[in-house]
Protein backbone atom coordinates (compact mmCIF):
# COMPACT_ATOMS: atom_id res chain seq x y z
CA MET A 1 0.08 0.09 -0.25
CA SER A 2 1.70 3.25 -1.34
CA PRO A 3 1.68 5.73 1.69
CA LEU A 4 1.62 9.05 -0.45
CA PRO A 5 -0.75 10.01 -2.35
CA SER A 6 -4.00 8.57 -0.99
CA PRO A 7 -5.02 5.92 -2.91
CA SER A 8 -8.10 5.99 -5.40
CA ALA A 9 -11.26 5.27 -3.09
CA GLY A 10 -13.84 4.22 -6.02
CA ARG A 11 -17.09 5.54 -5.07
CA LEU A 12 -15.92 6.97 -1.81
CA GLY A 13 -14.53 10.60 -1.24
CA GLY A 14 -11.14 10.33 0.09
CA PRO A 15 -9.69 12.72 2.87
CA PRO A 16 -7.09 15.42 2.07
CA SER A 17 -3.72 14.19 1.23
CA VAL A 18 -0.89 14.68 3.54
CA PRO A 19 -0.02 18.09 2.94
CA ALA A 20 -3.43 19.31 2.97
CA LEU A 21 -3.23 17.84 6.69
CA VAL A 22 -0.84 20.91 7.20
CA ARG A 23 -3.47 23.36 6.46
CA THR A 24 -6.20 22.10 8.15
CA ARG A 25 -6.98 22.20 11.83
CA LEU A 26 -8.06 19.09 12.96
CA ARG A 27 -9.55 18.17 16.22
CA ALA A 28 -9.14 14.46 17.44
CA ALA A 29 -12.99 13.64 18.50
CA VAL A 30 -13.41 11.16 21.00
CA ARG A 31 -17.08 11.14 21.24
CA ARG A 32 -19.32 8.30 19.73
CA PRO A 33 -19.14 8.23 16.24
CA SER A 34 -22.96 8.43 15.69
CA SER A 35 -22.80 12.21 17.79
CA LEU A 36 -20.36 13.47 15.49
CA THR A 37 -20.62 17.13 13.34
CA PRO A 38 -19.91 16.75 9.60
CA GLU A 39 -16.72 18.56 10.51
CA GLU A 40 -15.89 16.37 13.12
CA VAL A 41 -16.21 13.63 11.04
CA GLN A 42 -13.69 15.16 8.30
CA ASP A 43 -11.16 15.91 11.29
CA ARG A 44 -11.45 12.22 12.42
CA ALA A 45 -10.82 10.92 8.99
CA LEU A 46 -7.58 13.39 8.41
CA LEU A 47 -6.73 11.83 12.05
CA LEU A 48 -7.05 8.32 10.79
CA ARG A 49 -5.38 8.90 7.52
CA LEU A 50 -2.40 10.06 9.44
CA LEU A 51 -2.50 7.04 11.74
CA SER A 52 -2.42 5.01 8.80
CA LEU A 53 0.62 6.82 7.29
CA LEU A 54 2.44 6.36 10.30
CA LEU A 55 1.76 2.35 10.68
CA GLN A 56 3.03 1.70 7.30
CA TYR A 57 6.49 0.07 6.38
CA PRO A 58 8.84 3.24 6.58
CA ASP A 59 9.97 2.68 2.65
CA ALA A 60 12.04 5.31 0.77
CA GLU A 61 8.99 7.23 0.03
CA LEU A 62 7.27 7.41 3.54
CA THR A 63 11.04 8.24 4.66
CA ALA A 64 11.23 11.12 2.44
CA ALA A 65 8.28 12.66 3.23
CA ARG A 66 9.09 12.56 6.86
CA PRO A 67 9.20 16.58 6.94
CA THR A 68 5.70 16.89 5.81
CA VAL A 69 4.06 14.27 8.05
CA ALA A 70 6.02 16.12 11.28
CA ALA A 71 4.14 19.42 10.05
CA ALA A 72 0.91 17.79 9.68
CA VAL A 73 1.20 16.55 13.56
CA GLN A 74 2.39 19.74 14.50
CA ALA A 75 -0.45 21.48 13.01
CA LEU A 76 -2.92 19.60 15.58
CA PRO A 77 -4.66 21.26 17.99
CA PRO A 78 -3.68 20.26 21.65
CA SER A 79 -4.99 16.80 22.39
CA PRO A 80 -3.85 13.70 23.84
CA ALA A 81 -3.68 12.36 20.16
CA ALA A 82 -1.57 15.05 19.22
CA ALA A 83 0.84 14.84 21.87
CA GLU A 84 1.52 11.00 21.42
CA LEU A 85 1.53 11.52 17.56
CA ALA A 86 4.09 14.68 18.13
CA ALA A 87 6.32 12.24 20.62
CA PHE A 88 6.66 9.34 17.85
CA SER A 89 7.02 12.18 14.99
CA GLU A 90 10.01 13.63 17.10
CA TRP A 91 11.50 10.12 17.19
CA CYS A 92 10.97 8.96 13.94
CA THR A 93 12.22 11.91 12.27
CA ALA A 94 15.43 11.97 14.01
CA GLN A 95 16.08 7.98 12.48
CA GLU A 96 18.51 6.93 10.13
CA PRO A 97 16.20 5.21 7.67
CA ASP A 98 17.74 1.75 7.88
CA ALA A 99 17.61 1.69 11.78
CA LEU A 100 14.13 2.96 11.22
CA GLU A 101 13.14 0.07 8.85
CA ARG A 102 14.91 -2.36 11.13
CA HIS A 103 12.77 -1.44 14.05
CA TYR A 104 9.43 -1.90 12.05
CA VAL A 105 10.21 -5.40 11.00
CA GLU A 106 11.34 -5.96 14.46
CA MET A 107 8.27 -4.65 16.15
CA PHE A 108 5.95 -5.60 13.60
CA ASP A 109 7.06 -8.55 11.40
CA LEU A 110 9.01 -10.52 14.17
CA ARG A 111 6.56 -10.21 17.20
CA ARG A 112 3.36 -11.83 17.35
CA LYS A 113 2.01 -9.66 19.68
CA SER A 114 2.25 -6.49 18.23
CA SER A 115 1.78 -7.99 14.75
CA LEU A 116 -0.46 -5.43 12.53
CA TYR A 117 -2.74 -8.31 11.04
CA LEU A 118 -6.01 -7.60 13.30
CA THR A 119 -7.86 -10.99 12.50
CA TYR A 120 -5.22 -13.00 13.78
CA TYR A 121 -6.13 -12.10 17.46
CA LEU A 122 -9.52 -12.54 17.00
CA HIS A 123 -9.32 -15.98 15.36
CA GLY A 124 -5.75 -17.23 15.56
CA ASP A 125 -4.77 -19.41 12.77
CA THR A 126 -7.93 -21.42 12.25
CA ARG A 127 -10.32 -21.41 9.21
CA ARG A 128 -12.76 -18.82 10.77
CA ARG A 129 -9.78 -16.30 10.22
CA GLY A 130 -10.07 -16.94 6.36
CA MET A 131 -13.53 -16.18 6.37
CA ALA A 132 -13.24 -13.11 8.24
CA LEU A 133 -10.11 -11.92 5.54
CA LEU A 134 -13.20 -12.79 2.83
CA THR A 135 -15.59 -10.83 4.97
CA LEU A 136 -13.37 -7.69 5.40
CA ALA A 137 -12.53 -7.79 1.73
CA ARG A 138 -16.23 -8.12 0.38
CA ARG A 139 -17.01 -5.12 2.93
CA TYR A 140 -14.26 -3.16 1.18
CA ARG A 141 -15.91 -4.17 -1.99
CA ALA A 142 -18.91 -3.15 -1.34
CA ALA A 143 -18.09 0.38 -0.53
CA GLY A 144 -16.38 0.74 -3.71
CA TRP A 145 -12.70 0.07 -2.20
CA GLU A 146 -9.56 -1.63 -3.89
CA ILE A 147 -6.60 -2.40 -1.79
CA GLY A 148 -3.51 -1.90 -3.39
CA GLY A 149 -0.25 -2.75 -2.75
CA GLY A 150 -0.63 -6.51 -1.99
CA GLU A 151 -1.40 -6.14 1.67
CA LEU A 152 -4.06 -8.44 3.24
CA PRO A 153 -7.66 -6.77 4.25
CA ASP A 154 -7.03 -6.82 7.93
CA HIS A 155 -3.36 -4.99 7.67
CA LEU A 156 -4.05 -2.07 10.28
CA PRO A 157 -3.04 0.65 7.92
CA VAL A 158 -5.57 -0.94 5.59
CA VAL A 159 -8.21 -0.87 8.26
CA LEU A 160 -7.20 2.47 9.22
CA GLU A 161 -7.32 3.79 5.60
CA PHE A 162 -10.87 2.46 4.98
CA ALA A 163 -12.29 3.70 7.85
CA ALA A 164 -10.97 7.18 6.75
CA LEU A 165 -12.58 6.95 3.69
CA ALA A 166 -16.03 4.92 4.86
CA GLY A 167 -16.66 7.01 7.53
CA PRO A 168 -17.22 6.65 11.58
CA ARG A 169 -19.93 4.09 11.50
CA ALA A 170 -19.59 1.59 8.62
CA GLY A 171 -15.86 2.60 7.99
CA GLU A 172 -14.47 2.32 11.53
CA ALA A 173 -16.62 -0.80 12.17
CA PRO A 174 -13.64 -3.31 12.01
CA LEU A 175 -11.45 -1.05 14.32
CA ARG A 176 -14.35 -1.51 16.74
CA GLN A 177 -14.76 -5.36 16.41
CA HIS A 178 -10.87 -5.74 16.69
CA ARG A 179 -10.62 -3.27 19.78
CA ARG A 180 -8.74 -6.48 22.13
CA GLY A 181 -6.35 -6.82 19.37
CA LEU A 182 -5.34 -2.74 19.44
CA GLU A 183 -5.09 -3.19 23.41
CA LEU A 184 -2.87 -6.02 22.82
CA ILE A 185 -0.67 -4.34 19.93
CA HIS A 186 -0.18 -1.33 22.33
CA ARG A 187 0.40 -3.37 25.59
CA ALA A 188 3.27 -5.46 23.34
CA LEU A 189 4.55 -1.99 22.36
CA ASN A 190 4.67 -0.53 25.62
CA ASP A 191 6.67 -3.53 27.15
CA ALA A 192 8.90 -3.47 24.20
CA ASP A 193 9.67 0.27 24.82
CA SER A 194 8.76 1.19 20.96
CA PRO A 195 8.15 4.81 19.95
CA TYR A 196 5.29 2.92 18.14
CA ARG A 197 3.30 2.83 21.14
CA HIS A 198 2.94 6.50 20.80
CA VAL A 199 1.05 5.72 17.62
CA SER A 200 -1.12 3.03 19.23
CA ALA A 201 -1.93 5.02 21.88
CA ALA A 202 -3.25 7.79 19.73
CA LEU A 203 -5.44 5.40 18.15
CA LEU A 204 -6.97 4.12 21.28
CA THR A 205 -8.02 7.53 22.33
CA LEU A 206 -10.60 7.40 19.08
CA MET A 207 -11.98 3.92 20.48
CA PRO A 208 -14.61 3.14 22.79
CA PRO A 209 -12.87 2.59 26.06
CA ALA A 210 -11.77 -1.01 27.32
CA THR A 211 -14.63 -2.75 29.24
CA ASP A 212 -13.39 -4.89 32.25
CA ALA A 213 -14.53 -7.73 30.09
CA ASP A 214 -11.99 -6.31 27.19
CA LEU A 215 -9.13 -6.02 29.90
CA ARG A 216 -9.78 -9.54 30.89
CA ALA A 217 -9.69 -10.87 27.28
CA VAL A 218 -6.66 -9.09 26.54
CA ALA A 219 -4.76 -10.57 29.64
CA GLU A 220 -5.77 -14.09 28.80
CA LEU A 221 -4.89 -13.57 25.28
CA ALA A 222 -1.56 -12.03 26.01
CA ALA A 223 -0.91 -15.14 28.06
CA GLN A 224 -2.25 -17.95 26.02
CA GLY A 225 -2.50 -16.41 22.48
CA PRO A 226 -5.22 -16.75 20.07
CA PRO A 227 -7.14 -20.03 18.94
CA ALA A 228 -4.22 -22.37 17.44
CA GLU A 229 -6.42 -24.35 15.00
CA GLU A 230 -3.75 -25.00 12.00
CA VAL A 231 -5.46 -24.13 8.54
CA GLY A 232 -2.77 -26.13 6.62
CA LEU A 233 -0.18 -23.29 5.65
CA ALA A 234 3.58 -23.73 5.84
CA PRO A 235 5.10 -21.55 8.24
CA TYR A 236 7.67 -18.58 7.02
CA GLY A 237 10.41 -19.53 8.88
CA TRP A 238 10.52 -16.63 11.15
CA GLY A 239 10.21 -18.52 14.36
CA GLU A 240 14.03 -18.26 15.21
CA PHE A 241 14.33 -14.60 15.05
CA ALA A 242 11.45 -14.49 17.87
CA PRO A 243 11.99 -13.96 21.60
CA PRO A 244 10.79 -16.96 23.75
CA ASP A 245 8.07 -15.28 25.14
CA THR A 246 6.58 -14.23 21.59
CA PHE A 247 4.74 -16.14 19.24
CA MET A 248 5.83 -16.28 15.46
CA PRO A 249 4.18 -13.56 13.01
CA PRO A 250 0.99 -14.65 11.80
CA GLU A 251 1.60 -17.40 9.12
CA GLN A 252 -1.19 -15.75 6.42
CA ALA A 253 0.50 -12.51 7.02
CA PRO A 254 3.87 -12.38 5.18
CA PRO A 255 5.28 -8.76 4.99
CA GLY A 256 4.71 -6.90 2.11
CA PRO A 257 7.13 -6.85 -0.90
CA THR A 258 8.99 -3.92 -0.43
CA ARG A 259 10.16 -5.08 3.09
CA PRO A 260 13.73 -6.46 3.55
CA ALA A 261 14.07 -10.07 3.38
CA SER A 262 16.50 -10.34 6.44
CA PRO A 263 16.03 -9.92 9.90
CA PRO A 264 17.29 -7.10 12.08
CA GLU A 265 20.69 -7.47 13.48
CA GLY A 266 21.27 -9.32 16.51
CA SER A 267 20.05 -12.48 17.99
CA ARG A 268 16.35 -12.84 19.16
């Protein structure tokens, strides 16, 4: 999925591109989607688009756009989400491209608890996951949107982009469905002391507050992992690089074609 410019949205009217974010006053609305004004819906779409960009693999195109993205973050009015994104942007802008790429792969490709493929947390490596991916792809097509870049429909940047394009109700439904997975991703990033924890924290400010049942389910998921019924797919061979207290990345979710084939330096 190419980070810039915004992909075609078919019948959907996409939010402004990243340069437009710099010129747009954006409020991080945290009210229920059904209560948002039209202006707040547009503001929310801009924030979701920015979150999508920041969670994409930092290829050469996105790395070159860091000054523009940083300016967009600086243009946000004060809010908890804006503070989190400012902290991440400061770190991201200061990183060498190779170091940024290695950190991204380590956090999201080599650690199953912070994988960005959302249906894994709900269904694990089961046949139900395949059906969930199909249902999500059909949702996108019904809205007139086609995924580019070869990513699976449950990849979080893709889900965020769809939420920005389709609006708070139908568009954000997949995010709400995977609220517990998002919480687990944030916990894993926080435990790893990854600066990406600021991005996941900003996203959670847009989600309904976690219930006691959510927190119990997340704790159980972190301890036991998701369902483990195998679907007959061969592993991708990343297990030797994963820390002993984490799972392997989801088997149905290989990295995109532009990511480096080798793992980060250092023994896992």
